[in-house]
Protein backbone atom coordinates (compact mmCIF):
# COMPACT_ATOMS: atom_id res chain seq x y z
CA MET A 1 110.45 111.75 94.60
CA ASN A 2 113.99 111.82 95.77
CA GLU A 3 115.97 108.68 95.78
CA GLN A 4 114.71 107.21 99.29
CA GLN A 5 110.71 107.74 98.52
CA ASN A 6 111.43 105.53 94.80
CA SER A 7 113.28 103.22 97.45
CA ASN A 8 109.39 102.33 98.68
CA LEU A 9 107.96 102.69 95.17
CA SER A 10 106.83 99.01 93.59
CA ILE A 11 105.64 98.87 89.61
CA ALA A 12 103.02 97.79 87.82
CA THR A 13 103.34 97.67 83.84
CA PHE A 14 99.62 97.20 82.30
CA GLY A 15 98.27 97.09 78.87
CA ALA A 16 94.99 98.02 77.95
CA GLY A 17 94.43 99.51 75.70
CA CYS A 18 95.24 103.73 74.34
CA PHE A 19 97.80 104.47 76.90
CA TRP A 20 96.71 107.65 77.32
CA CYS A 21 93.54 106.10 79.16
CA VAL A 22 95.19 104.14 81.09
CA GLU A 23 97.21 106.79 81.98
CA ALA A 24 94.79 109.27 82.61
CA VAL A 25 92.78 106.69 85.23
CA PHE A 26 95.77 105.58 87.01
CA GLU A 27 97.34 108.85 87.82
CA GLN A 28 93.77 109.68 89.99
CA LEU A 29 94.59 106.98 92.39
CA ASP A 30 96.06 108.03 95.69
CA GLY A 31 99.00 105.89 96.45
CA VAL A 32 99.81 106.28 92.61
CA HIS A 33 102.72 108.66 92.79
CA ALA A 34 104.01 108.42 88.71
CA VAL A 35 102.61 106.82 86.18
CA GLU A 36 104.74 106.61 82.74
CA SER A 37 103.25 105.84 78.84
CA GLY A 38 105.41 103.48 76.96
CA TYR A 39 105.93 99.90 75.38
CA MET A 40 106.47 96.71 76.22
CA GLY A 41 107.06 93.04 75.24
CA GLY A 42 108.05 93.69 71.87
CA GLU A 43 111.47 92.06 69.69
CA VAL A 44 112.03 96.28 68.31
CA LYS A 45 114.78 98.00 70.59
CA ASP A 46 114.01 101.25 70.99
CA PRO A 47 110.56 101.63 69.04
CA THR A 48 108.43 104.67 68.14
CA TYR A 49 105.42 105.43 68.37
CA ARG A 50 105.18 104.85 64.30
CA GLU A 51 106.62 101.44 64.73
CA VAL A 52 104.90 100.32 66.93
CA CYS A 53 101.78 101.62 65.79
CA SER A 54 102.54 99.58 62.23
CA GLY A 55 101.76 96.49 64.62
CA THR A 56 104.94 95.30 63.47
CA SER A 57 107.47 95.67 66.26
CA GLY A 58 105.31 93.67 68.43
CA HIS A 59 105.01 95.70 71.62
CA ALA A 60 102.37 97.29 73.41
CA GLU A 61 100.95 100.26 74.89
CA VAL A 62 101.38 100.59 78.34
CA THR A 63 101.86 102.37 81.69
CA GLN A 64 104.09 102.10 84.45
CA ILE A 65 102.82 102.76 87.68
CA HIS A 66 104.79 103.29 90.61
CA TYR A 67 103.33 102.69 93.71
CA ASP A 68 103.21 103.49 97.09
CA PRO A 69 102.48 99.44 98.30
CA ALA A 70 102.07 100.56 101.80
CA VAL A 71 98.88 103.33 100.74
CA VAL A 72 97.32 101.81 97.71
CA SER A 73 98.28 97.32 96.55
CA TYR A 74 98.73 95.85 93.37
CA GLU A 75 95.35 94.57 94.45
CA THR A 76 93.72 97.38 94.30
CA LEU A 77 95.81 98.46 90.77
CA LEU A 78 94.76 94.73 89.66
CA ASP A 79 90.86 96.08 90.60
CA TRP A 80 91.33 98.94 88.21
CA LEU A 81 93.30 97.94 85.36
CA TRP A 82 89.49 95.15 85.27
CA ARG A 83 87.33 97.76 85.95
CA SER A 84 88.53 100.11 83.41
CA HIS A 85 88.51 98.74 80.40
CA ASP A 86 87.43 95.48 78.54
CA PRO A 87 89.45 92.74 78.72
CA THR A 88 87.32 90.50 77.03
CA THR A 89 88.33 91.77 73.26
CA LEU A 90 91.44 90.80 71.65
CA ASN A 91 93.53 93.48 70.91
CA ARG A 92 90.92 95.93 70.76
CA GLN A 93 89.84 98.60 72.90
CA GLY A 94 87.18 100.95 72.51
CA GLY A 95 88.05 102.63 68.28
CA ASP A 96 91.47 101.70 69.08
CA SER A 97 93.04 98.56 67.55
CA GLY A 98 95.76 96.13 66.65
CA THR A 99 98.23 94.01 68.56
CA GLN A 100 99.57 97.12 70.41
CA TYR A 101 96.24 97.44 72.35
CA ARG A 102 95.91 94.32 73.76
CA SER A 103 94.68 93.65 77.73
CA ALA A 104 98.24 92.22 79.55
CA ILE A 105 99.55 92.52 82.74
CA PHE A 106 103.20 92.81 82.74
CA TYR A 107 105.14 91.02 86.36
CA HIS A 108 107.53 92.38 87.72
CA ASP A 109 108.13 89.13 90.11
CA GLU A 110 107.04 85.99 91.08
CA ALA A 111 104.44 87.74 93.39
CA GLN A 112 102.62 89.75 90.96
CA ARG A 113 102.14 86.60 88.29
CA GLU A 114 100.54 84.81 91.72
CA THR A 115 98.21 87.91 92.53
CA ALA A 116 97.57 88.41 88.37
CA GLU A 117 96.30 85.19 87.80
CA ALA A 118 94.12 84.93 91.22
CA SER A 119 92.87 88.57 89.78
CA LYS A 120 91.53 87.69 86.67
CA ALA A 121 90.04 84.41 88.18
CA THR A 122 87.88 86.40 90.19
CA ALA A 123 87.63 89.37 87.40
CA GLN A 124 86.26 86.62 84.99
CA LYS A 125 82.55 86.07 87.63
CA HIS A 126 81.82 89.56 85.80
CA PHE A 127 82.45 89.25 82.36
CA SER A 128 80.08 86.90 80.13
CA ALA A 129 83.16 85.97 77.02
CA PRO A 130 86.99 84.69 78.75
CA ILE A 131 89.02 87.75 79.22
CA VAL A 132 92.10 87.43 77.51
CA THR A 133 94.68 89.39 78.89
CA GLU A 134 97.87 88.38 79.10
CA ILE A 135 100.27 87.73 81.87
CA THR A 136 103.75 88.24 80.77
CA ALA A 137 106.71 88.19 82.60
CA ALA A 138 107.60 92.15 82.40
CA SER A 139 110.89 92.93 79.67
CA THR A 140 112.70 95.86 78.52
CA TYR A 141 110.44 98.95 79.14
CA TYR A 142 110.69 101.98 77.12
CA PRO A 143 109.33 105.16 78.14
CA ALA A 144 106.77 106.97 75.81
CA GLU A 145 107.70 109.98 73.25
CA ASP A 146 107.44 112.37 75.89
CA TYR A 147 104.22 113.91 74.09
CA HIS A 148 102.07 111.44 75.07
CA GLN A 149 103.32 112.23 78.32
CA ASP A 150 100.59 113.22 81.19
CA TYR A 151 98.76 113.42 77.88
CA PHE A 152 95.53 114.07 79.21
CA ARG A 153 96.40 116.34 82.18
CA LEU A 154 97.72 118.46 79.37
CA ASN A 155 95.55 118.58 76.57
CA PRO A 156 92.27 118.10 78.06
CA GLY A 157 90.01 119.90 75.43
CA ALA A 158 91.45 117.66 72.75
CA PRO A 159 89.09 115.08 70.69
CA TYR A 160 90.74 112.05 71.61
CA CYS A 161 90.08 113.19 75.84
CA GLN A 162 87.53 115.21 75.31
CA MET A 163 85.54 112.09 73.25
CA VAL A 164 87.01 108.92 75.14
CA ILE A 165 89.53 109.62 78.21
CA ARG A 166 87.01 112.21 80.26
CA PRO A 167 83.75 109.89 80.03
CA LYS A 168 85.92 106.71 80.88
CA LEU A 169 86.98 109.03 84.18
CA LYS A 170 83.19 109.78 84.82
CA LYS A 171 81.83 106.45 84.59
CA LEU A 172 84.64 105.26 86.58
CA ASP A 173 83.42 108.03 89.50
CA LEU A 174 86.99 109.57 89.06
CA VAL A 175 86.51 113.67 87.24
């Protein structure tokens, strides 16, 4: 992307379990230009995957989504977030458990916070259990190690991709 294209993009940051799954979903959407896996919400500077997985860094696995708001709205991204994971399970998605897998929306400005709060209230109507997704101001974002980026696209035959990510994409009619 050139600099002019970048200036037209907005950023959304979501945690919804394993970042490989979240990345694979949002990479499929029109108007999304880039999705990067990383870490946010903790106290450790420059955390490693091992530190985040230990549950002691305070970070969540997140994806930073660079999108064109003229093509896809933040509201639409939030709708996909609610559809793509179970926001009623605390610190767990499927077989992945720990605070690093928490459901989280990290907002980048007041408009995103307000939109996220309204979207959460609307989404709650579709779940019998309370939504536990935290809505928190974005903090320092740390990109994950290179081998985590574009994981599904680069490793479609890997067992996790076949058993977890592909069925999720199929359920969402994205493959």
